[in-house]
Amino acid sequence: MRYSQIGMLIVVPMVVLGGIGYALDRRFRSQPWLLLAGLVVGMAVGFTSFLREVLSAPPDGRGGRKGP
């Protein structure tokens, strides 16, 4: 994965799960609790996938490319 895409690993789960929480809040009239829960879970999922990606990167910083 390219390093420019790593930031999306945190943003996308927050937006998706926050959006789901927002929609459920509107449906069940529980504002803002499900939105906040979705954002927190999204942060946890995003941060976990971010750490997994960064820690699996090769130590030379090449991002898995071969050659000079």
PDB file of N, CA and C in Angstrom:
ATOM      1  N   MET A   1       0.846  -1.178   0.000  1.00  0.00           N
ATOM      2  CA  MET A   1       0.000   0.000   0.000  1.00  0.00           C
ATOM      3  C   MET A   1       0.890   1.241   0.000  1.00  0.00           C
ATOM      4  N   ARG A   2       0.514   2.215  -0.746  1.00  0.00           N
ATOM      5  CA  ARG A   2       1.303   3.436  -0.798  1.00  0.00           C
ATOM      6  C   ARG A   2       1.086   4.241   0.472  1.00  0.00           C
ATOM      7  N   TYR A   3       2.115   4.973   0.836  1.00  0.00           N
ATOM      8  CA  TYR A   3       2.055   5.736   2.073  1.00  0.00           C
ATOM      9  C   TYR A   3       1.019   6.849   2.012  1.00  0.00           C
ATOM     10  N   SER A   4       0.711   7.350   0.833  1.00  0.00           N
ATOM     11  CA  SER A   4      -0.307   8.394   0.721  1.00  0.00           C
ATOM     12  C   SER A   4      -1.703   7.851   1.011  1.00  0.00           C
ATOM     13  N   GLN A   5      -1.891   6.552   0.924  1.00  0.00           N
ATOM     14  CA  GLN A   5      -3.188   5.951   1.173  1.00  0.00           C
ATOM     15  C   GLN A   5      -3.371   5.526   2.621  1.00  0.00           C
ATOM     16  N   ILE A   6      -2.323   5.535   3.409  1.00  0.00           N
ATOM     17  CA  ILE A   6      -2.413   5.059   4.788  1.00  0.00           C
ATOM     18  C   ILE A   6      -3.336   5.938   5.616  1.00  0.00           C
ATOM     19  N   GLY A   7      -3.344   7.239   5.370  1.00  0.00           N
ATOM     20  CA  GLY A   7      -4.229   8.128   6.119  1.00  0.00           C
ATOM     21  C   GLY A   7      -5.694   7.786   5.926  1.00  0.00           C
ATOM     22  N   MET A   8      -6.022   7.237   4.776  1.00  0.00           N
ATOM     23  CA  MET A   8      -7.402   6.845   4.512  1.00  0.00           C
ATOM     24  C   MET A   8      -7.837   5.672   5.386  1.00  0.00           C
ATOM     25  N   LEU A   9      -6.874   4.912   5.904  1.00  0.00           N
ATOM     26  CA  LEU A   9      -7.217   3.789   6.767  1.00  0.00           C
ATOM     27  C   LEU A   9      -7.893   4.248   8.051  1.00  0.00           C
ATOM     28  N   ILE A  10      -7.656   5.477   8.455  1.00  0.00           N
ATOM     29  CA  ILE A  10      -8.291   6.004   9.657  1.00  0.00           C
ATOM     30  C   ILE A  10      -9.576   6.740   9.309  1.00  0.00           C
ATOM     31  N   VAL A  11      -9.562   7.483   8.218  1.00  0.00           N
ATOM     32  CA  VAL A  11     -10.694   8.342   7.873  1.00  0.00           C
ATOM     33  C   VAL A  11     -11.904   7.548   7.398  1.00  0.00           C
ATOM     34  N   VAL A  12     -11.703   6.573   6.527  1.00  0.00           N
ATOM     35  CA  VAL A  12     -12.822   5.855   5.919  1.00  0.00           C
ATOM     36  C   VAL A  12     -13.676   5.107   6.950  1.00  0.00           C
ATOM     37  N   PRO A  13     -13.097   4.331   7.868  1.00  0.00           N
ATOM     38  CA  PRO A  13     -13.953   3.674   8.859  1.00  0.00           C
ATOM     39  C   PRO A  13     -14.719   4.659   9.742  1.00  0.00           C
ATOM     40  N   MET A  14     -14.109   5.798  10.063  1.00  0.00           N
ATOM     41  CA  MET A  14     -14.813   6.796  10.876  1.00  0.00           C
ATOM     42  C   MET A  14     -16.006   7.369  10.119  1.00  0.00           C
ATOM     43  N   VAL A  15     -15.821   7.671   8.847  1.00  0.00           N
ATOM     44  CA  VAL A  15     -16.910   8.244   8.054  1.00  0.00           C
ATOM     45  C   VAL A  15     -18.025   7.225   7.868  1.00  0.00           C
ATOM     46  N   VAL A  16     -17.668   5.990   7.537  1.00  0.00           N
ATOM     47  CA  VAL A  16     -18.679   4.965   7.290  1.00  0.00           C
ATOM     48  C   VAL A  16     -19.450   4.633   8.566  1.00  0.00           C
ATOM     49  N   LEU A  17     -18.728   4.329   9.640  1.00  0.00           N
ATOM     50  CA  LEU A  17     -19.413   3.958  10.879  1.00  0.00           C
ATOM     51  C   LEU A  17     -20.104   5.150  11.529  1.00  0.00           C
ATOM     52  N   GLY A  18     -19.538   6.347  11.378  1.00  0.00           N
ATOM     53  CA  GLY A  18     -20.218   7.540  11.856  1.00  0.00           C
ATOM     54  C   GLY A  18     -21.505   7.793  11.086  1.00  0.00           C
ATOM     55  N   GLY A  19     -21.481   7.556   9.779  1.00  0.00           N
ATOM     56  CA  GLY A  19     -22.686   7.701   8.959  1.00  0.00           C
ATOM     57  C   GLY A  19     -23.756   6.691   9.337  1.00  0.00           C
ATOM     58  N   ILE A  20     -23.342   5.468   9.605  1.00  0.00           N
ATOM     59  CA  ILE A  20     -24.303   4.454  10.045  1.00  0.00           C
ATOM     60  C   ILE A  20     -24.900   4.856  11.387  1.00  0.00           C
ATOM     61  N   GLY A  21     -24.057   5.339  12.302  1.00  0.00           N
ATOM     62  CA  GLY A  21     -24.560   5.796  13.602  1.00  0.00           C
ATOM     63  C   GLY A  21     -25.522   6.965  13.466  1.00  0.00           C
ATOM     64  N   TYR A  22     -25.210   7.891  12.556  1.00  0.00           N
ATOM     65  CA  TYR A  22     -26.088   9.036  12.312  1.00  0.00           C
ATOM     66  C   TYR A  22     -27.448   8.582  11.787  1.00  0.00           C
ATOM     67  N   ALA A  23     -27.431   7.643  10.838  1.00  0.00           N
ATOM     68  CA  ALA A  23     -28.689   7.134  10.281  1.00  0.00           C
ATOM     69  C   ALA A  23     -29.504   6.406  11.346  1.00  0.00           C
ATOM     70  N   LEU A  24     -28.842   5.631  12.188  1.00  0.00           N
ATOM     71  CA  LEU A  24     -29.566   4.940  13.257  1.00  0.00           C
ATOM     72  C   LEU A  24     -30.092   5.922  14.300  1.00  0.00           C
ATOM     73  N   ASP A  25     -29.331   6.977  14.564  1.00  0.00           N
ATOM     74  CA  ASP A  25     -29.812   8.016  15.478  1.00  0.00           C
ATOM     75  C   ASP A  25     -31.096   8.652  14.958  1.00  0.00           C
ATOM     76  N   ARG A  26     -31.142   8.943  13.677  1.00  0.00           N
ATOM     77  CA  ARG A  26     -32.347   9.539  13.099  1.00  0.00           C
ATOM     78  C   ARG A  26     -33.513   8.565  13.167  1.00  0.00           C
ATOM     79  N   ARG A  27     -33.224   7.296  12.941  1.00  0.00           N
ATOM     80  CA  ARG A  27     -34.296   6.284  12.956  1.00  0.00           C
ATOM     81  C   ARG A  27     -34.855   6.082  14.363  1.00  0.00           C
ATOM     82  N   PHE A  28     -33.985   5.995  15.362  1.00  0.00           N
ATOM     83  CA  PHE A  28     -34.415   5.687  16.725  1.00  0.00           C
ATOM     84  C   PHE A  28     -34.525   6.916  17.622  1.00  0.00           C
ATOM     85  N   ARG A  29     -34.239   8.113  17.075  1.00  0.00           N
ATOM     86  CA  ARG A  29     -34.311   9.381  17.809  1.00  0.00           C
ATOM     87  C   ARG A  29     -33.468   9.334  19.101  1.00  0.00           C
ATOM     88  N   SER A  30     -32.223   8.932  18.927  1.00  0.00           N
ATOM     89  CA  SER A  30     -31.336   8.801  20.088  1.00  0.00           C
ATOM     90  C   SER A  30     -30.123   9.715  19.967  1.00  0.00           C
ATOM     91  N   GLN A  31     -30.274  10.842  19.273  1.00  0.00           N
ATOM     92  CA  GLN A  31     -29.156  11.739  19.016  1.00  0.00           C
ATOM     93  C   GLN A  31     -28.431  12.094  20.296  1.00  0.00           C
ATOM     94  N   PRO A  32     -27.165  12.180  20.341  1.00  0.00           N
ATOM     95  CA  PRO A  32     -26.095  11.845  19.389  1.00  0.00           C
ATOM     96  C   PRO A  32     -25.392  10.558  19.726  1.00  0.00           C
ATOM     97  N   TRP A  33     -26.008   9.691  20.496  1.00  0.00           N
ATOM     98  CA  TRP A  33     -25.282   8.572  21.100  1.00  0.00           C
ATOM     99  C   TRP A  33     -24.793   7.537  20.099  1.00  0.00           C
ATOM    100  N   LEU A  34     -25.601   7.162  19.139  1.00  0.00           N
ATOM    101  CA  LEU A  34     -25.147   6.162  18.170  1.00  0.00           C
ATOM    102  C   LEU A  34     -24.130   6.746  17.193  1.00  0.00           C
ATOM    103  N   LEU A  35     -24.251   8.026  16.898  1.00  0.00           N
ATOM    104  CA  LEU A  35     -23.230   8.694  16.087  1.00  0.00           C
ATOM    105  C   LEU A  35     -21.890   8.662  16.804  1.00  0.00           C
ATOM    106  N   LEU A  36     -21.889   9.017  18.073  1.00  0.00           N
ATOM    107  CA  LEU A  36     -20.642   8.997  18.843  1.00  0.00           C
ATOM    108  C   LEU A  36     -20.080   7.584  18.958  1.00  0.00           C
ATOM    109  N   ALA A  37     -20.944   6.609  19.170  1.00  0.00           N
ATOM    110  CA  ALA A  37     -20.482   5.214  19.247  1.00  0.00           C
ATOM    111  C   ALA A  37     -19.874   4.782  17.914  1.00  0.00           C
ATOM    112  N   GLY A  38     -20.501   5.174  16.802  1.00  0.00           N
ATOM    113  CA  GLY A  38     -19.959   4.832  15.488  1.00  0.00           C
ATOM    114  C   GLY A  38     -18.605   5.475  15.250  1.00  0.00           C
ATOM    115  N   LEU A  39     -18.457   6.722  15.682  1.00  0.00           N
ATOM    116  CA  LEU A  39     -17.172   7.396  15.510  1.00  0.00           C
ATOM    117  C   LEU A  39     -16.079   6.750  16.349  1.00  0.00           C
ATOM    118  N   VAL A  40     -16.406   6.374  17.582  1.00  0.00           N
ATOM    119  CA  VAL A  40     -15.416   5.737  18.459  1.00  0.00           C
ATOM    120  C   VAL A  40     -15.006   4.376  17.901  1.00  0.00           C
ATOM    121  N   VAL A  41     -15.974   3.591  17.469  1.00  0.00           N
ATOM    122  CA  VAL A  41     -15.653   2.284  16.895  1.00  0.00           C
ATOM    123  C   VAL A  41     -14.860   2.469  15.597  1.00  0.00           C
ATOM    124  N   GLY A  42     -15.227   3.468  14.795  1.00  0.00           N
ATOM    125  CA  GLY A  42     -14.499   3.761  13.567  1.00  0.00           C
ATOM    126  C   GLY A  42     -13.057   4.153  13.836  1.00  0.00           C
ATOM    127  N   MET A  43     -12.846   4.951  14.899  1.00  0.00           N
ATOM    128  CA  MET A  43     -11.473   5.311  15.264  1.00  0.00           C
ATOM    129  C   MET A  43     -10.686   4.080  15.672  1.00  0.00           C
ATOM    130  N   ALA A  44     -11.301   3.199  16.448  1.00  0.00           N
ATOM    131  CA  ALA A  44     -10.599   1.990  16.888  1.00  0.00           C
ATOM    132  C   ALA A  44     -10.254   1.089  15.708  1.00  0.00           C
ATOM    133  N   VAL A  45     -11.207   0.895  14.809  1.00  0.00           N
ATOM    134  CA  VAL A  45     -10.964   0.057  13.627  1.00  0.00           C
ATOM    135  C   VAL A  45      -9.898   0.693  12.744  1.00  0.00           C
ATOM    136  N   GLY A  46     -10.005   1.986  12.516  1.00  0.00           N
ATOM    137  CA  GLY A  46      -9.037   2.680  11.672  1.00  0.00           C
ATOM    138  C   GLY A  46      -7.642   2.672  12.255  1.00  0.00           C
ATOM    139  N   PHE A  47      -7.544   2.929  13.544  1.00  0.00           N
ATOM    140  CA  PHE A  47      -6.231   2.948  14.178  1.00  0.00           C
ATOM    141  C   PHE A  47      -5.604   1.562  14.185  1.00  0.00           C
ATOM    142  N   THR A  48      -6.422   0.527  14.395  1.00  0.00           N
ATOM    143  CA  THR A  48      -5.912  -0.840  14.371  1.00  0.00           C
ATOM    144  C   THR A  48      -5.378  -1.198  12.985  1.00  0.00           C
ATOM    145  N   SER A  49      -6.136  -0.880  11.941  1.00  0.00           N
ATOM    146  CA  SER A  49      -5.664  -1.197  10.597  1.00  0.00           C
ATOM    147  C   SER A  49      -4.454  -0.345  10.213  1.00  0.00           C
ATOM    148  N   PHE A  50      -4.417   0.900  10.698  1.00  0.00           N
ATOM    149  CA  PHE A  50      -3.254   1.766  10.457  1.00  0.00           C
ATOM    150  C   PHE A  50      -2.002   1.163  11.098  1.00  0.00           C
ATOM    151  N   LEU A  51      -2.102   0.766  12.355  1.00  0.00           N
ATOM    152  CA  LEU A  51      -0.951   0.168  13.026  1.00  0.00           C
ATOM    153  C   LEU A  51      -0.517  -1.126  12.359  1.00  0.00           C
ATOM    154  N   ARG A  52      -1.478  -1.933  11.956  1.00  0.00           N
ATOM    155  CA  ARG A  52      -1.155  -3.196  11.298  1.00  0.00           C
ATOM    156  C   ARG A  52      -0.389  -2.936  10.003  1.00  0.00           C
ATOM    157  N   GLU A  53      -0.821  -1.928   9.248  1.00  0.00           N
ATOM    158  CA  GLU A  53      -0.160  -1.604   7.978  1.00  0.00           C
ATOM    159  C   GLU A  53       1.231  -1.018   8.207  1.00  0.00           C
ATOM    160  N   VAL A  54       1.365  -0.113   9.152  1.00  0.00           N
ATOM    161  CA  VAL A  54       2.648   0.535   9.398  1.00  0.00           C
ATOM    162  C   VAL A  54       3.661  -0.448   9.982  1.00  0.00           C
ATOM    163  N   LEU A  55       3.234  -1.295  10.883  1.00  0.00           N
ATOM    164  CA  LEU A  55       4.165  -2.250  11.493  1.00  0.00           C
ATOM    165  C   LEU A  55       4.574  -3.357  10.536  1.00  0.00           C
ATOM    166  N   SER A  56       3.788  -3.599   9.494  1.00  0.00           N
ATOM    167  CA  SER A  56       4.162  -4.640   8.532  1.00  0.00           C
ATOM    168  C   SER A  56       5.001  -4.085   7.388  1.00  0.00           C
ATOM    169  N   ALA A  57       5.225  -2.774   7.358  1.00  0.00           N
ATOM    170  CA  ALA A  57       6.043  -2.165   6.301  1.00  0.00           C
ATOM    171  C   ALA A  57       7.489  -2.604   6.469  1.00  0.00           C
ATOM    172  N   PRO A  58       8.189  -2.762   5.363  1.00  0.00           N
ATOM    173  CA  PRO A  58       9.595  -3.148   5.458  1.00  0.00           C
ATOM    174  C   PRO A  58      10.420  -2.043   6.113  1.00  0.00           C
ATOM    175  N   PRO A  59      11.478  -2.411   6.832  1.00  0.00           N
ATOM    176  CA  PRO A  59      12.259  -1.408   7.553  1.00  0.00           C
ATOM    177  C   PRO A  59      13.036  -0.449   6.660  1.00  0.00           C
ATOM    178  N   ASP A  60      13.230  -0.787   5.378  1.00  0.00           N
ATOM    179  CA  ASP A  60      13.977   0.119   4.501  1.00  0.00           C
ATOM    180  C   ASP A  60      13.114   1.268   3.994  1.00  0.00           C
ATOM    181  N   GLY A  61      11.800   1.230   4.255  1.00  0.00           N
ATOM    182  CA  GLY A  61      10.921   2.324   3.879  1.00  0.00           C
ATOM    183  C   GLY A  61      10.546   2.375   2.409  1.00  0.00           C
ATOM    184  N   ARG A  62      10.784   1.299   1.695  1.00  0.00           N
ATOM    185  CA  ARG A  62      10.486   1.300   0.264  1.00  0.00           C
ATOM    186  C   ARG A  62       9.034   0.958  -0.035  1.00  0.00           C
ATOM    187  N   GLY A  63       8.282   0.525   0.932  1.00  0.00           N
ATOM    188  CA  GLY A  63       6.889   0.197   0.685  1.00  0.00           C
ATOM    189  C   GLY A  63       6.667  -1.058  -0.138  1.00  0.00           C
ATOM    190  N   GLY A  64       7.611  -1.980  -0.092  1.00  0.00           N
ATOM    191  CA  GLY A  64       7.464  -3.242  -0.780  1.00  0.00           C
ATOM    192  C   GLY A  64       7.917  -3.231  -2.227  1.00  0.00           C
ATOM    193  N   ARG A  65       8.479  -2.136  -2.716  1.00  0.00           N
ATOM    194  CA  ARG A  65       8.961  -2.092  -4.100  1.00  0.00           C
ATOM    195  C   ARG A  65      10.313  -2.780  -4.215  1.00  0.00           C
ATOM    196  N   LYS A  66      10.541  -3.367  -5.359  1.00  0.00           N
ATOM    197  CA  LYS A  66      11.821  -4.039  -5.627  1.00  0.00           C
ATOM    198  C   LYS A  66      12.710  -3.123  -6.460  1.00  0.00           C
ATOM    199  N   GLY A  67      13.983  -3.301  -6.321  1.00  0.00           N
ATOM    200  CA  GLY A  67      14.933  -2.554  -7.144  1.00  0.00           C
ATOM    201  C   GLY A  67      15.435  -1.295  -6.464  1.00  0.00           C
ATOM    202  N   PRO A  68      16.290  -0.533  -7.154  1.00  0.00           N
ATOM    203  CA  PRO A  68      16.927   0.642  -6.556  1.00  0.00           C
ATOM    204  C   PRO A  68      16.005   1.825  -6.380  1.00  0.00           C
TER     205      PRO A  68
END
